[in-house]
């Protein structure tokens, strides 16, 4: 009986708080008519688990990367595009960033509510987990990370027909007989 009460109290203490300005920034990134194509969240300096908006704007993953501080941890969302079969499609990339000089307490705080934080930013097509340098995040400005995770058919090889890309590898598919 006592363990159940402690577990419920611990869960209540770890409930993730998301402010209205962060929710609005996420919605703006998801709105294709909005110029904002990235937003960034970090933990507020409080005892609980509260996110705060750390930045948003235009310029994609490169602009988001420029807003990262090596002494902090972040969650980010970037809207990018990918061309599949001559169609330009919108893709969303979720980024978690752990700065190389982030205090251990801050890094530990990130791991506990990462699931609820991810739920606040979901859905997304690709994720970059635990990036540690802005250069890694800038790489998300290219459509390749989203494209490789989503997959596409590649040029047909001579003997096997179309070969879909699954992750980073090409999987041969034999035609039905």
Protein backbone atom coordinates (compact mmCIF):
# COMPACT_ATOMS: atom_id res chain seq x y z
CA UNK A 1 0.00 0.00 0.00
CA UNK A 2 2.74 2.50 0.92
CA UNK A 3 4.67 1.85 -2.29
CA UNK A 4 1.62 2.68 -4.41
CA UNK A 5 1.17 6.04 -2.70
CA UNK A 6 4.85 6.87 -3.11
CA UNK A 7 4.72 5.88 -6.78
CA UNK A 8 1.66 8.08 -7.37
CA UNK A 9 3.32 10.99 -5.55
CA UNK A 10 6.50 10.53 -7.60
CA UNK A 11 4.47 10.45 -10.85
CA UNK A 12 2.61 13.64 -9.87
CA UNK A 13 5.90 15.37 -9.04
CA UNK A 14 7.33 14.35 -12.43
CA UNK A 15 4.36 15.54 -14.49
CA UNK A 16 5.63 17.60 -17.40
CA UNK A 17 4.43 21.20 -17.60
CA UNK A 18 4.20 22.75 -21.06
CA UNK A 19 3.54 26.51 -21.31
CA UNK A 20 1.13 28.01 -23.84
CA UNK A 21 3.89 29.84 -25.75
CA UNK A 22 5.69 26.52 -26.41
CA UNK A 23 2.46 24.87 -27.54
CA UNK A 24 1.87 27.83 -29.90
CA UNK A 25 5.44 27.60 -31.27
CA UNK A 26 5.01 23.88 -32.01
CA UNK A 27 1.70 24.62 -33.77
CA UNK A 28 3.39 27.36 -35.85
CA UNK A 29 6.11 24.94 -37.01
CA UNK A 30 3.41 22.43 -38.00
CA UNK A 31 1.51 25.09 -39.98
CA UNK A 32 2.88 25.02 -43.54
CA UNK A 33 1.60 28.57 -44.08
CA UNK A 34 3.71 29.85 -41.17
CA UNK A 35 7.24 31.13 -41.84
CA UNK A 36 8.46 29.64 -38.53
CA UNK A 37 10.08 26.30 -39.33
CA UNK A 38 11.77 25.44 -36.03
CA UNK A 39 11.22 25.70 -32.31
CA UNK A 40 13.34 24.79 -29.33
CA UNK A 41 12.45 23.90 -25.74
CA UNK A 42 14.52 23.41 -22.60
CA UNK A 43 13.76 22.82 -18.96
CA UNK A 44 12.83 25.77 -16.79
CA UNK A 45 15.07 26.36 -13.79
CA UNK A 46 12.63 24.89 -11.29
CA UNK A 47 12.32 21.85 -9.08
CA UNK A 48 9.60 20.22 -11.21
CA UNK A 49 9.54 19.12 -14.79
CA UNK A 50 8.56 22.27 -16.69
CA UNK A 51 9.55 23.01 -20.25
CA UNK A 52 10.04 26.54 -21.51
CA UNK A 53 10.35 27.97 -25.00
CA UNK A 54 14.03 28.58 -25.75
CA UNK A 55 13.54 29.92 -29.26
CA UNK A 56 11.74 29.66 -32.58
CA UNK A 57 12.06 31.17 -36.01
CA UNK A 58 12.99 30.67 -39.63
CA UNK A 59 16.13 29.17 -41.13
CA UNK A 60 15.52 25.50 -40.36
CA UNK A 61 17.94 23.25 -38.54
CA UNK A 62 20.88 25.61 -39.15
CA UNK A 63 19.09 28.42 -37.28
CA UNK A 64 18.01 26.03 -34.52
CA UNK A 65 21.62 24.82 -34.19
CA UNK A 66 22.81 28.42 -33.79
CA UNK A 67 20.49 28.77 -30.77
CA UNK A 68 22.00 25.77 -28.93
CA UNK A 69 24.22 26.36 -25.91
CA UNK A 70 26.76 23.66 -25.02
CA UNK A 71 25.84 24.01 -21.33
CA UNK A 72 22.18 23.04 -21.75
CA UNK A 73 19.80 20.32 -22.95
CA UNK A 74 17.03 20.85 -25.49
CA UNK A 75 14.18 19.34 -27.47
CA UNK A 76 13.54 20.76 -30.92
CA UNK A 77 11.24 20.41 -33.89
CA UNK A 78 12.24 21.32 -37.45
CA UNK A 79 10.01 21.44 -40.52
CA UNK A 80 11.84 20.50 -43.69
CA UNK A 81 10.90 19.23 -47.12
CA UNK A 82 11.78 16.13 -49.08
CA UNK A 83 11.21 15.28 -52.72
CA UNK A 84 9.73 11.87 -53.35
CA UNK A 85 8.76 10.86 -56.88
CA UNK A 86 8.85 14.52 -58.05
CA UNK A 87 6.52 15.56 -55.19
CA UNK A 88 7.76 17.93 -52.50
CA UNK A 89 6.55 16.69 -49.11
CA UNK A 90 6.81 18.26 -45.68
CA UNK A 91 8.72 16.32 -43.05
CA UNK A 92 9.20 16.98 -39.34
CA UNK A 93 12.39 16.11 -37.48
CA UNK A 94 12.44 15.82 -33.67
CA UNK A 95 15.80 16.64 -32.08
CA UNK A 96 17.05 16.01 -28.57
CA UNK A 97 20.31 17.77 -27.76
CA UNK A 98 22.65 17.25 -24.81
CA UNK A 99 25.31 19.95 -24.72
CA UNK A 100 28.88 18.78 -24.16
CA UNK A 101 29.14 20.98 -21.06
CA UNK A 102 25.62 20.41 -19.72
CA UNK A 103 25.63 19.74 -15.96
CA UNK A 104 24.97 16.11 -15.03
CA UNK A 105 21.88 17.12 -13.06
CA UNK A 106 20.41 18.79 -16.16
CA UNK A 107 21.21 15.76 -18.32
CA UNK A 108 19.61 13.45 -15.74
CA UNK A 109 16.55 15.66 -15.62
CA UNK A 110 16.16 15.23 -19.37
CA UNK A 111 16.01 11.44 -19.27
CA UNK A 112 13.12 11.11 -16.83
CA UNK A 113 10.35 12.95 -18.73
CA UNK A 114 11.69 12.40 -22.25
CA UNK A 115 8.66 10.26 -23.17
CA UNK A 116 6.12 12.94 -22.19
CA UNK A 117 8.25 15.64 -23.87
CA UNK A 118 8.38 13.58 -27.06
CA UNK A 119 4.58 13.16 -26.91
CA UNK A 120 4.16 16.95 -26.79
CA UNK A 121 6.15 17.34 -30.01
CA UNK A 122 4.80 14.24 -31.82
CA UNK A 123 4.14 13.28 -34.55
CA UNK A 124 7.36 13.52 -36.54
CA UNK A 125 8.93 11.61 -39.41
CA UNK A 126 12.48 11.30 -38.10
CA UNK A 127 14.31 11.86 -34.87
CA UNK A 128 17.82 12.81 -33.95
CA UNK A 129 18.36 11.56 -30.42
CA UNK A 130 20.99 12.92 -28.04
CA UNK A 131 22.90 15.08 -30.50
CA UNK A 132 25.91 16.61 -28.74
CA UNK A 133 27.10 19.24 -31.20
CA UNK A 134 25.40 21.93 -33.27
CA UNK A 135 27.09 20.45 -36.36
CA UNK A 136 25.05 17.26 -35.93
CA UNK A 137 21.88 19.32 -35.74
CA UNK A 138 22.79 21.41 -38.80
CA UNK A 139 22.91 18.12 -40.72
CA UNK A 140 19.17 17.80 -40.10
CA UNK A 141 18.65 20.78 -42.42
CA UNK A 142 19.27 18.42 -45.32
CA UNK A 143 16.24 16.27 -46.14
CA UNK A 144 18.35 13.09 -45.95
CA UNK A 145 17.73 12.26 -42.25
CA UNK A 146 13.96 12.32 -42.69
CA UNK A 147 14.15 10.71 -46.11
CA UNK A 148 16.33 7.80 -44.99
CA UNK A 149 14.02 6.97 -42.10
CA UNK A 150 10.86 7.24 -44.19
CA UNK A 151 12.25 5.24 -47.12
CA UNK A 152 11.64 5.39 -50.86
CA UNK A 153 12.05 3.28 -53.98
CA UNK A 154 15.39 3.72 -55.71
CA UNK A 155 16.27 3.28 -59.36
CA UNK A 156 15.52 -0.30 -60.31
CA UNK A 157 18.57 -2.55 -60.44
CA UNK A 158 19.06 -4.64 -63.57
CA UNK A 159 17.85 -7.97 -62.16
CA UNK A 160 15.56 -7.39 -59.21
CA UNK A 161 13.00 -4.68 -60.04
CA UNK A 162 12.45 -1.77 -57.65
CA UNK A 163 14.49 -1.70 -54.46
CA UNK A 164 13.03 0.26 -51.54
CA UNK A 165 15.38 2.11 -49.24
CA UNK A 166 14.87 1.00 -45.64
CA UNK A 167 16.92 3.11 -43.26
CA UNK A 168 20.34 3.51 -44.86
CA UNK A 169 20.32 0.30 -46.87
CA UNK A 170 18.72 -0.79 -50.13
CA UNK A 171 16.61 -3.92 -49.94
CA UNK A 172 16.28 -5.83 -53.24
CA UNK A 173 12.73 -6.88 -54.11
CA UNK A 174 12.12 -9.61 -56.62
CA UNK A 175 9.12 -9.15 -58.94
CA UNK A 176 6.12 -11.41 -58.37
CA UNK A 177 5.91 -14.29 -60.82
